[in-house]
Amino acid sequence: MSDTINVSYDTQIPNNVGLSSDRRVLKALEKWHPGYLDWWKGQGPDGFQESLVYLRTAVSVDPKGWAKFDYVRMPEYRWGILLAPQVEGRIIPCGEHYGEPAWQEVPGEYRSMLRRLVVIQGDTEPASVEQQRFLGKTAPSLYDMRNLFQVNVEEARHLWAMVYILQKYFGRDGREESAELLQRRSGSDEKPRMLGAFNEETPDWLSFFMFTYFTDRDGKMQLESLAQSGFDPLSRTCRFMLTEEAHHMFVGETGVGRTIQKTCERMREAGIDDPTDIGRVRDLGVIDLPTIQKKLNLHYTLSLDLFGSEVSTNAANAFNAGIKGRYRENKIDDDHRLRDATYPVSEFTDGKIVVKEVPALTAINMRLRDDYSRDALGGVKRWNAIIKKHGFDFELTLPHEGFHRQIGTYTGAPITPEGEVITPEEWAARRDEWLPSKEDGDFIASLMKPCWEAGKYADWIAPPRVGIDNKPGDFEYVQLHMA
């Protein structure tokens, strides 16, 4: 067991999967490595490749002490292949093969389906690094800059995790897919990333915080589902990835919370009682709460689209095959086959919102999305607690599931954040009430001035309550060496 917990550094690629004795896979990964480094240097954090960053690096997969912190230049970060320890006697947790021993090799009949799931997951990881490439230049503090870079190197490690699965278990197809993962680019017209939300820009730090809160939470839900996979190497890979993903959502939740806190503090100091007095609030050099709500609306709805269509035969097939389960499948009290079960699905039909009971097997995406929305609500409640503590009558809310949707039954439906059906013309006329306008974006951009003195923070965001690795408030999280 200790071999699968501790990470070996005896090859170029740190791992706990015995790479040094698996020459074929080691050789394939070493061949892929230079292209990966070219991608990182060209698409990773722009201008900071020589800076020393106080990063955590995995040294084991024991949840109690899996990482150490130290300064490192990002191109020299030891990206590795880390799987959670194998569970003795693990069974396939769902579908037609429920109760059978988990697979240690790819089952032939599910090979293409499994490969596609791995590729889609793998494609999201470098995409977010590309989206966040220029944010370091407007970092509101060295603390925030370091958190951005930690998220970036870990998303890149998650790419390694999926490439390992492709290289080890999918032969030539896996090698070709691994190469393709380095060819696509977020937002490219010719070769975009596979999922829509990963081709959007992340132009400012509030966008980054919303992305890491909402979109990385979608990543958490997908990883939780893949962690249930009957294909054991994928399950183990995703279980360890979840350990790292938690930090990304922490960065998002606390980043938005600190933004809200600073806005409320400034409003109190200025004697402004009405949070919707946008002009006066913006004159204070902070982001007004209605604009924060608009950003929330945008990122939440983009993230809902990542779950795919509410009713999906692809999702049903993956569940039936036992290669992707539901969120915390092992905690659900049912037959884990869903032969006769139903699930309520809301849809937009003939200009109306209706709820129908559909076979639970085809509503796998819908159930996962509902789990996601419940999970996302927790942070929104904590943000509202900050507003309430400062004495303001304003509440952030998650918009209706039909608002601003590009995928599924609600695609293009003219529905307000409150769930009211209106005409397409009225929706278009009122769009800027609900989603960030160009003017909103320009205002936020005007605040994005770098603040790189240790212990100092930009005027629009509050300091964190505690430092990373219990470091003091003036700790130099990034020793800058600008390219």
Protein backbone atom coordinates (compact mmCIF):
# COMPACT_ATOMS: atom_id res chain seq x y z
CA MET A 1 0.00 0.00 0.00
CA SER A 2 2.81 2.45 0.83
CA ASP A 3 4.10 2.18 -2.76
CA THR A 4 0.79 3.48 -4.04
CA ILE A 5 0.70 6.31 -1.48
CA ASN A 6 4.25 7.69 -1.79
CA VAL A 7 5.38 9.33 -4.99
CA SER A 8 8.51 8.08 -6.74
CA TYR A 9 10.87 10.71 -8.18
CA ASP A 10 13.25 8.21 -9.84
CA THR A 11 12.06 9.07 -13.37
CA GLN A 12 11.61 12.39 -15.16
CA ILE A 13 7.90 12.04 -14.36
CA PRO A 14 7.00 11.74 -10.64
CA ASN A 15 4.48 8.95 -10.16
CA ASN A 16 3.05 6.28 -7.89
CA VAL A 17 2.17 3.87 -10.71
CA GLY A 18 5.53 2.13 -11.11
CA LEU A 19 6.54 3.94 -14.31
CA SER A 20 10.20 2.97 -13.95
CA SER A 21 9.22 -0.67 -14.60
CA ASP A 22 6.66 0.15 -17.32
CA ARG A 23 9.12 1.09 -20.06
CA ARG A 24 6.58 1.30 -22.90
CA VAL A 25 4.40 3.89 -21.15
CA LEU A 26 7.38 5.75 -19.69
CA LYS A 27 8.88 6.06 -23.18
CA ALA A 28 5.58 7.29 -24.65
CA LEU A 29 5.19 9.91 -21.91
CA GLU A 30 8.81 11.05 -22.26
CA LYS A 31 8.19 11.48 -25.97
CA TRP A 32 5.06 13.57 -25.21
CA HIS A 33 6.83 15.67 -22.54
CA PRO A 34 8.75 18.14 -24.81
CA GLY A 35 5.57 19.03 -26.70
CA TYR A 36 3.84 19.54 -23.39
CA LEU A 37 6.58 21.91 -22.18
CA ASP A 38 6.35 23.84 -25.46
CA TRP A 39 2.60 24.16 -24.86
CA TRP A 40 3.13 25.30 -21.25
CA LYS A 41 5.73 27.90 -22.19
CA GLY A 42 3.59 29.18 -25.04
CA GLN A 43 0.14 28.97 -23.45
CA GLY A 44 0.80 28.98 -19.69
CA PRO A 45 1.09 32.11 -17.49
CA ASP A 46 2.45 34.81 -19.77
CA GLY A 47 5.55 36.63 -18.53
CA PHE A 48 6.09 34.68 -15.30
CA GLN A 49 7.95 31.56 -16.38
CA GLU A 50 11.15 32.65 -14.60
CA SER A 51 9.48 33.82 -11.38
CA LEU A 52 9.81 31.71 -8.24
CA VAL A 53 6.35 30.72 -7.00
CA TYR A 54 5.53 29.26 -3.57
CA LEU A 55 3.70 26.16 -4.83
CA ARG A 56 2.55 22.91 -3.29
CA THR A 57 3.77 19.72 -4.95
CA ALA A 58 2.34 16.29 -4.27
CA VAL A 59 4.68 13.95 -2.41
CA SER A 60 2.06 11.30 -1.61
CA VAL A 61 -1.63 10.61 -2.05
CA ASP A 62 -2.29 10.26 1.67
CA PRO A 63 -5.05 12.84 2.36
CA LYS A 64 -3.43 13.76 5.71
CA GLY A 65 -0.13 14.95 4.27
CA TRP A 66 0.03 14.72 0.52
CA ALA A 67 1.84 17.94 -0.43
CA LYS A 68 4.88 20.02 0.43
CA PHE A 69 5.34 23.76 -0.24
CA ASP A 70 8.41 25.39 -1.74
CA TYR A 71 9.53 27.95 -4.30
CA VAL A 72 9.75 26.65 -7.85
CA ARG A 73 9.82 28.06 -11.38
CA MET A 74 6.67 26.85 -13.05
CA PRO A 75 8.32 25.16 -16.08
CA GLU A 76 10.35 23.14 -13.54
CA TYR A 77 7.29 22.09 -11.54
CA ARG A 78 7.26 18.30 -11.12
CA TRP A 79 4.04 17.35 -12.86
CA GLY A 80 3.30 13.76 -12.06
CA ILE A 81 0.93 10.83 -12.41
CA LEU A 82 -0.85 10.11 -9.16
CA LEU A 83 -3.58 7.59 -8.50
CA ALA A 84 -5.44 7.12 -5.24
CA PRO A 85 -4.62 3.78 -3.57
CA GLN A 86 -6.36 0.74 -5.01
CA VAL A 87 -9.35 -0.47 -2.99
CA GLU A 88 -9.19 -4.22 -2.43
CA GLY A 89 -12.21 -6.08 -3.77
CA ARG A 90 -13.75 -2.99 -5.39
CA ILE A 91 -16.85 -3.73 -7.48
CA ILE A 92 -18.49 -1.96 -10.41
CA PRO A 93 -20.95 0.35 -8.60
CA CYS A 94 -23.71 0.78 -11.19
CA GLY A 95 -25.31 -0.37 -14.44
CA GLU A 96 -25.61 -3.76 -16.09
CA HIS A 97 -22.34 -4.98 -14.52
CA TYR A 98 -23.26 -3.87 -11.00
CA GLY A 99 -21.53 -6.03 -8.38
CA GLU A 100 -18.91 -7.51 -10.75
CA PRO A 101 -15.20 -6.94 -9.97
CA ALA A 102 -13.97 -3.53 -11.16
CA TRP A 103 -12.03 -3.66 -14.45
CA GLN A 104 -8.27 -3.20 -14.37
CA GLU A 105 -8.10 -3.15 -18.19
CA VAL A 106 -10.38 -1.40 -20.68
CA PRO A 107 -13.40 -3.58 -21.48
CA GLY A 108 -13.37 -3.97 -25.27
CA GLU A 109 -17.07 -3.26 -25.86
CA TYR A 110 -16.81 0.12 -24.08
CA ARG A 111 -13.45 1.19 -25.43
CA SER A 112 -14.58 4.09 -27.65
CA MET A 113 -17.09 5.41 -25.10
CA LEU A 114 -14.48 5.35 -22.35
CA ARG A 115 -11.85 6.98 -24.53
CA ARG A 116 -14.21 9.83 -25.38
CA LEU A 117 -14.97 10.49 -21.70
CA VAL A 118 -11.24 10.61 -20.90
CA VAL A 119 -10.50 12.92 -23.85
CA ILE A 120 -13.30 15.36 -22.98
CA GLN A 121 -12.14 15.52 -19.36
CA GLY A 122 -8.53 15.89 -20.50
CA ASP A 123 -9.43 18.70 -22.92
CA THR A 124 -10.91 20.92 -20.20
CA GLU A 125 -7.68 20.95 -18.18
CA PRO A 126 -5.30 22.79 -20.56
CA ALA A 127 -8.23 24.91 -21.78
CA SER A 128 -8.60 26.67 -18.42
CA VAL A 129 -4.84 27.36 -18.30
CA GLU A 130 -5.13 28.99 -21.74
CA GLN A 131 -8.15 31.04 -20.64
CA GLN A 132 -6.25 32.37 -17.61
CA ARG A 133 -2.95 32.96 -19.36
CA PHE A 134 -2.77 36.76 -18.99
CA LEU A 135 -4.34 37.19 -15.56
CA GLY A 136 -1.02 37.28 -13.70
CA LYS A 137 -0.32 40.71 -15.19
CA THR A 138 -3.27 42.26 -13.33
CA ALA A 139 -3.04 40.23 -10.11
CA PRO A 140 -4.50 42.15 -7.15
CA SER A 141 -1.82 40.73 -4.82
CA LEU A 142 1.04 38.24 -4.72
CA TYR A 143 -1.26 35.97 -2.68
CA ASP A 144 -3.81 35.93 -5.50
CA MET A 145 -1.11 35.57 -8.16
CA ARG A 146 0.24 32.52 -6.35
CA ASN A 147 -3.24 30.99 -6.12
CA LEU A 148 -3.75 31.52 -9.85
CA PHE A 149 -0.47 29.78 -10.64
CA GLN A 150 -1.27 26.92 -8.23
CA VAL A 151 -4.57 26.38 -10.03
CA ASN A 152 -2.74 26.51 -13.38
CA VAL A 153 -0.06 23.94 -12.53
CA GLU A 154 -2.67 21.59 -11.05
CA GLU A 155 -4.98 21.86 -14.05
CA ALA A 156 -1.92 21.00 -16.13
CA ARG A 157 -1.23 18.01 -13.86
CA HIS A 158 -4.80 16.88 -14.46
CA LEU A 159 -3.97 16.91 -18.17
CA TRP A 160 -1.05 14.58 -17.36
CA ALA A 161 -3.44 12.34 -15.42
CA MET A 162 -5.71 11.86 -18.43
CA VAL A 163 -2.79 11.50 -20.85
CA TYR A 164 -1.41 8.69 -18.70
CA ILE A 165 -4.73 6.83 -19.00
CA LEU A 166 -4.72 7.39 -22.78
CA GLN A 167 -1.09 6.32 -23.22
CA LYS A 168 -1.26 3.25 -21.00
CA TYR A 169 -4.64 1.82 -21.95
CA PHE A 170 -5.50 3.01 -25.48
CA GLY A 171 -2.40 2.29 -27.56
CA ARG A 172 -1.97 4.21 -30.81
CA ASP A 173 -5.39 5.85 -30.45
CA GLY A 174 -4.34 7.12 -27.03
CA ARG A 175 -1.06 8.52 -28.35
CA GLU A 176 -2.90 10.36 -31.14
CA GLU A 177 -5.47 11.76 -28.73
CA SER A 178 -2.68 12.86 -26.37
CA ALA A 179 -1.04 14.81 -29.19
CA GLU A 180 -4.38 16.41 -30.13
CA LEU A 181 -4.84 17.65 -26.56
CA LEU A 182 -1.81 19.90 -27.13
CA GLN A 183 -3.08 21.13 -30.52
CA ARG A 184 -6.50 22.53 -29.63
CA ARG A 185 -6.69 26.07 -28.22
CA SER A 186 -9.30 27.83 -26.12
CA GLY A 187 -11.28 30.26 -28.30
CA SER A 188 -9.58 29.18 -31.55
CA ASP A 189 -11.68 29.42 -34.73
CA GLU A 190 -9.83 26.50 -36.35
CA LYS A 191 -9.30 24.10 -33.41
CA PRO A 192 -11.31 25.20 -30.38
CA ARG A 193 -11.59 23.28 -27.13
CA MET A 194 -14.38 20.70 -27.09
CA LEU A 195 -16.80 22.33 -24.61
CA GLY A 196 -18.28 25.82 -25.00
CA ALA A 197 -17.48 27.26 -21.55
CA PHE A 198 -13.80 26.50 -22.17
CA ASN A 199 -13.71 28.74 -25.23
CA GLU A 200 -14.95 31.81 -23.33
CA GLU A 201 -12.53 34.53 -22.27
CA THR A 202 -11.51 35.02 -18.65
CA PRO A 203 -10.76 38.73 -18.97
CA ASP A 204 -10.56 39.83 -15.33
CA TRP A 205 -10.14 38.53 -11.80
CA LEU A 206 -13.83 38.53 -10.91
CA SER A 207 -14.34 36.28 -13.95
CA PHE A 208 -11.52 34.05 -12.68
CA PHE A 209 -13.09 33.77 -9.23
CA MET A 210 -16.51 33.00 -10.72
CA PHE A 211 -14.93 30.45 -13.08
CA THR A 212 -13.09 28.65 -10.29
CA TYR A 213 -16.23 28.65 -8.14
CA PHE A 214 -18.81 27.61 -10.74
CA THR A 215 -16.97 25.95 -13.64
CA ASP A 216 -14.44 24.10 -11.49
CA ARG A 217 -17.42 22.89 -9.46
CA ASP A 218 -18.78 21.34 -12.64
CA GLY A 219 -15.34 19.71 -12.90
CA LYS A 220 -15.78 18.40 -9.37
CA MET A 221 -19.15 16.84 -10.26
CA GLN A 222 -17.76 15.23 -13.42
CA LEU A 223 -14.75 13.90 -11.50
CA GLU A 224 -17.03 12.57 -8.76
CA SER A 225 -19.00 10.70 -11.45
CA LEU A 226 -15.86 9.34 -13.10
CA ALA A 227 -14.49 8.38 -9.67
CA GLN A 228 -17.41 5.91 -9.58
CA SER A 229 -16.23 4.31 -12.83
CA GLY A 230 -16.04 0.53 -13.04
CA PHE A 231 -12.74 1.08 -14.89
CA ASP A 232 -10.57 1.19 -11.79
CA PRO A 233 -7.53 3.17 -13.08
CA LEU A 234 -9.85 6.02 -14.11
CA SER A 235 -11.64 5.90 -10.76
CA ARG A 236 -8.36 6.09 -8.87
CA THR A 237 -7.05 8.92 -11.06
CA CYS A 238 -10.17 11.02 -10.49
CA ARG A 239 -10.25 10.35 -6.76
CA PHE A 240 -6.85 12.00 -6.37
CA MET A 241 -7.72 14.84 -8.76
CA LEU A 242 -10.61 15.72 -6.43
CA THR A 243 -8.09 16.35 -3.63
CA GLU A 244 -6.54 19.13 -5.75
CA GLU A 245 -9.83 20.44 -7.19
CA ALA A 246 -11.04 21.48 -3.71
CA HIS A 247 -8.43 24.25 -3.60
CA HIS A 248 -9.63 25.68 -6.92
CA MET A 249 -13.17 26.10 -5.62
CA PHE A 250 -11.78 27.60 -2.40
CA VAL A 251 -9.94 30.21 -4.50
CA GLY A 252 -13.20 31.04 -6.28
CA GLU A 253 -15.45 31.20 -3.24
CA THR A 254 -13.07 33.26 -1.11
CA GLY A 255 -12.15 35.50 -4.05
CA VAL A 256 -15.77 36.46 -4.67
CA GLY A 257 -16.32 36.75 -0.91
CA ARG A 258 -13.36 39.12 -0.50
CA THR A 259 -14.63 41.22 -3.43
CA ILE A 260 -18.06 41.48 -1.78
CA GLN A 261 -16.51 42.27 1.58
CA LYS A 262 -14.48 45.19 0.20
CA THR A 263 -17.53 46.57 -1.62
CA CYS A 264 -19.62 46.43 1.56
CA GLU A 265 -16.85 48.00 3.66
CA ARG A 266 -16.47 50.89 1.23
CA MET A 267 -20.23 51.46 1.03
CA ARG A 268 -20.45 51.56 4.85
CA GLU A 269 -17.56 54.05 5.07
CA ALA A 270 -19.18 56.27 2.43
CA GLY A 271 -22.64 56.13 4.05
CA ILE A 272 -24.26 54.49 0.99
CA ASP A 273 -27.32 52.49 2.07
CA ASP A 274 -28.58 51.45 -1.37
CA PRO A 275 -26.40 48.74 -3.02
CA THR A 276 -28.19 49.38 -6.34
CA ASP A 277 -26.88 52.96 -6.52
CA ILE A 278 -24.35 51.68 -9.03
CA GLY A 279 -22.75 54.99 -10.03
CA ARG A 280 -21.96 56.03 -6.45
CA VAL A 281 -20.64 52.59 -5.54
CA ARG A 282 -18.39 52.44 -8.60
CA ASP A 283 -17.02 55.88 -7.77
CA LEU A 284 -15.57 54.24 -4.66
CA GLY A 285 -13.39 52.01 -6.89
CA VAL A 286 -15.15 48.74 -5.98
CA ILE A 287 -17.43 46.36 -7.88
CA ASP A 288 -21.13 46.96 -7.16
CA LEU A 289 -23.27 44.03 -6.01
CA PRO A 290 -25.67 44.09 -9.02
CA THR A 291 -22.67 43.62 -11.34
CA ILE A 292 -21.43 40.74 -9.17
CA GLN A 293 -24.91 39.20 -9.63
CA LYS A 294 -24.60 39.59 -13.41
CA LYS A 295 -21.23 37.84 -13.38
CA LEU A 296 -22.73 35.07 -11.25
CA ASN A 297 -25.60 34.72 -13.77
CA LEU A 298 -23.14 34.37 -16.65
CA HIS A 299 -20.79 31.83 -15.11
CA TYR A 300 -23.50 29.74 -13.50
CA THR A 301 -25.43 29.38 -16.76
CA LEU A 302 -22.30 28.61 -18.80
CA SER A 303 -21.52 25.91 -16.22
CA LEU A 304 -25.03 24.43 -16.43
CA ASP A 305 -24.50 23.95 -20.17
CA LEU A 306 -21.47 21.76 -19.42
CA PHE A 307 -23.79 19.03 -18.12
CA GLY A 308 -25.22 18.50 -21.62
CA SER A 309 -28.83 17.75 -22.51
CA GLU A 310 -31.20 17.04 -19.64
CA VAL A 311 -32.30 13.79 -21.29
CA SER A 312 -29.38 11.93 -22.84
CA THR A 313 -28.93 8.46 -24.27
CA ASN A 314 -25.13 8.94 -24.13
CA ALA A 315 -25.29 9.49 -20.36
CA ALA A 316 -27.64 6.50 -20.01
CA ASN A 317 -25.24 4.31 -22.00
CA ALA A 318 -22.25 5.35 -19.89
CA PHE A 319 -24.16 4.58 -16.69
CA ASN A 320 -25.47 1.27 -18.03
CA ALA A 321 -21.95 0.29 -19.05
CA GLY A 322 -20.73 1.08 -15.53
CA ILE A 323 -18.05 3.48 -16.75
CA LYS A 324 -19.54 6.65 -15.23
CA GLY A 325 -21.76 6.72 -12.15
CA ARG A 326 -23.85 9.34 -10.42
CA TYR A 327 -22.60 11.84 -7.84
CA ARG A 328 -21.68 9.73 -4.77
CA GLU A 329 -23.19 6.64 -6.34
CA ASN A 330 -22.14 4.49 -3.39
CA LYS A 331 -24.24 6.65 -1.01
CA ILE A 332 -27.49 6.34 -3.07
CA ASP A 333 -30.05 3.88 -1.74
CA ASP A 334 -31.51 2.24 -4.85
CA ASP A 335 -30.82 -0.71 -7.17
CA HIS A 336 -27.97 1.16 -9.00
CA ARG A 337 -29.43 -0.10 -12.28
CA LEU A 338 -32.40 2.29 -12.61
CA ARG A 339 -34.54 -0.22 -14.48
CA ASP A 340 -37.91 1.16 -13.39
CA ALA A 341 -37.02 4.47 -11.72
CA THR A 342 -38.11 7.90 -12.96
CA TYR A 343 -36.74 11.39 -12.39
CA PRO A 344 -38.43 14.82 -12.79
CA VAL A 345 -37.10 16.90 -15.68
CA SER A 346 -38.17 20.46 -16.35
CA GLU A 347 -38.36 21.50 -20.01
CA PHE A 348 -39.49 24.32 -22.27
CA THR A 349 -42.30 23.21 -24.58
CA ASP A 350 -44.72 25.36 -26.63
CA GLY A 351 -43.64 28.50 -24.80
CA LYS A 352 -44.21 26.99 -21.34
CA ILE A 353 -42.06 25.50 -18.60
CA VAL A 354 -43.33 22.02 -17.73
CA VAL A 355 -42.03 19.26 -15.48
CA LYS A 356 -42.18 15.65 -16.70
CA GLU A 357 -41.25 12.35 -15.12
CA VAL A 358 -38.81 10.57 -17.44
CA PRO A 359 -36.85 7.31 -17.05
CA ALA A 360 -34.12 8.02 -14.50
CA LEU A 361 -31.60 6.27 -16.74
CA THR A 362 -31.92 8.94 -19.44
CA ALA A 363 -32.01 11.76 -16.83
CA ILE A 364 -28.52 11.06 -15.45
CA ASN A 365 -27.27 14.50 -16.62
CA MET A 366 -30.27 16.21 -15.04
CA ARG A 367 -29.71 14.54 -11.69
CA LEU A 368 -26.02 15.47 -11.71
CA ARG A 369 -26.93 19.07 -12.59
CA ASP A 370 -29.41 19.20 -9.71
CA ASP A 371 -26.69 17.91 -7.37
CA TYR A 372 -24.41 20.63 -8.76
CA SER A 373 -26.94 23.40 -8.15
CA ARG A 374 -27.44 22.29 -4.55
CA ASP A 375 -23.67 22.19 -4.07
CA ALA A 376 -23.20 25.65 -5.64
CA LEU A 377 -25.85 27.18 -3.38
CA GLY A 378 -23.64 26.78 -0.30
CA GLY A 379 -21.13 29.42 -1.34
CA VAL A 380 -23.87 31.82 -2.48
CA LYS A 381 -25.37 31.60 1.03
CA ARG A 382 -21.99 32.40 2.54
CA TRP A 383 -21.59 35.40 0.21
CA ASN A 384 -25.03 36.63 1.29
CA ALA A 385 -23.99 36.27 4.93
CA ILE A 386 -21.16 38.78 4.26
CA ILE A 387 -23.66 41.26 2.77
CA LYS A 388 -26.09 40.77 5.66
CA LYS A 389 -23.34 41.16 8.25
CA HIS A 390 -22.63 44.62 6.82
CA GLY A 391 -26.32 45.50 7.11
CA PHE A 392 -27.32 45.69 3.44
CA ASP A 393 -30.63 44.59 1.99
CA PHE A 394 -29.38 42.71 -1.07
CA GLU A 395 -29.33 39.02 -1.86
CA LEU A 396 -27.37 37.16 -4.54
CA THR A 397 -29.33 34.31 -6.13
CA LEU A 398 -28.78 31.47 -8.59
CA PRO A 399 -30.87 32.23 -11.70
CA HIS A 400 -33.59 29.89 -13.00
CA GLU A 401 -32.24 26.84 -14.84
CA GLY A 402 -33.88 28.04 -18.08
CA PHE A 403 -32.16 31.43 -18.13
CA HIS A 404 -29.47 32.11 -20.77
CA ARG A 405 -29.03 28.52 -21.91
CA GLN A 406 -27.24 27.31 -25.06
CA ILE A 407 -27.55 23.53 -24.50
CA GLY A 408 -30.56 21.32 -23.84
CA THR A 409 -34.29 21.92 -23.77
CA TYR A 410 -33.95 25.58 -22.76
CA THR A 411 -31.62 26.52 -25.63
CA GLY A 412 -32.38 30.13 -26.55
CA ALA A 413 -35.54 30.22 -24.41
CA PRO A 414 -36.57 33.79 -23.45
CA ILE A 415 -36.69 33.19 -19.70
CA THR A 416 -35.74 35.70 -17.00
CA PRO A 417 -33.48 34.87 -14.05
CA GLU A 418 -36.67 34.63 -11.97
CA GLY A 419 -38.09 31.97 -14.32
CA GLU A 420 -40.65 34.16 -16.10
CA VAL A 421 -41.27 33.45 -19.79
CA ILE A 422 -41.20 36.66 -21.85
CA THR A 423 -41.00 37.47 -25.57
CA PRO A 424 -37.66 37.07 -27.37
CA GLU A 425 -37.78 40.80 -28.16
CA GLU A 426 -38.18 41.77 -24.50
CA TRP A 427 -35.42 39.38 -23.48
CA ALA A 428 -33.02 40.92 -26.01
CA ALA A 429 -33.97 44.43 -24.87
CA ARG A 430 -33.36 43.56 -21.21
CA ARG A 431 -30.27 41.38 -21.63
CA ASP A 432 -27.93 43.92 -20.03
CA GLU A 433 -30.05 43.96 -16.87
CA TRP A 434 -29.08 40.35 -16.24
CA LEU A 435 -25.72 39.70 -17.93
CA PRO A 436 -22.51 41.76 -17.97
CA SER A 437 -22.62 44.50 -20.60
CA LYS A 438 -19.61 45.92 -22.41
CA GLU A 439 -19.76 48.89 -20.03
CA ASP A 440 -19.68 46.54 -17.04
CA GLY A 441 -16.67 44.75 -18.51
CA ASP A 442 -14.90 48.03 -19.20
CA PHE A 443 -15.50 49.21 -15.63
CA ILE A 444 -14.16 45.99 -14.10
CA ALA A 445 -11.18 46.13 -16.47
CA SER A 446 -10.44 49.67 -15.25
CA LEU A 447 -9.96 48.32 -11.71
CA MET A 448 -7.55 45.56 -12.78
CA LYS A 449 -4.34 47.29 -11.77
CA PRO A 450 -1.53 45.03 -10.56
CA CYS A 451 -0.62 45.17 -6.87
CA TRP A 452 2.59 43.22 -6.42
CA GLU A 453 4.02 44.50 -3.13
CA ALA A 454 4.13 41.74 -0.52
CA GLY A 455 1.26 42.12 1.95
CA LYS A 456 -0.60 44.72 -0.16
CA TYR A 457 -3.94 44.25 -1.97
CA ALA A 458 -5.68 46.11 -4.79
CA ASP A 459 -8.33 48.56 -3.59
CA TRP A 460 -11.28 46.49 -4.87
CA ILE A 461 -10.59 43.30 -2.87
CA ALA A 462 -10.13 42.53 0.85
CA PRO A 463 -7.15 40.55 2.18
CA PRO A 464 -7.73 36.86 3.01
CA ARG A 465 -8.37 35.81 6.61
CA VAL A 466 -5.34 33.48 6.69
CA GLY A 467 -2.32 32.96 4.46
CA ILE A 468 -1.34 29.92 2.42
CA ASP A 469 0.56 27.32 4.46
CA ASN A 470 -0.02 29.56 7.52
CA LYS A 471 2.37 32.19 6.19
CA PRO A 472 2.27 35.75 7.62
CA GLY A 473 0.40 38.55 5.84
CA ASP A 474 3.49 40.07 4.21
CA PHE A 475 4.89 36.77 2.91
CA GLU A 476 6.35 37.02 -0.62
CA TYR A 477 4.31 34.29 -2.36
CA VAL A 478 5.88 35.07 -5.75
CA GLN A 479 9.45 36.28 -6.23
CA LEU A 480 9.03 38.12 -9.49
CA HIS A 481 11.41 37.73 -12.40
CA MET A 482 9.56 39.19 -15.35
CA ALA A 483 10.32 37.87 -18.82
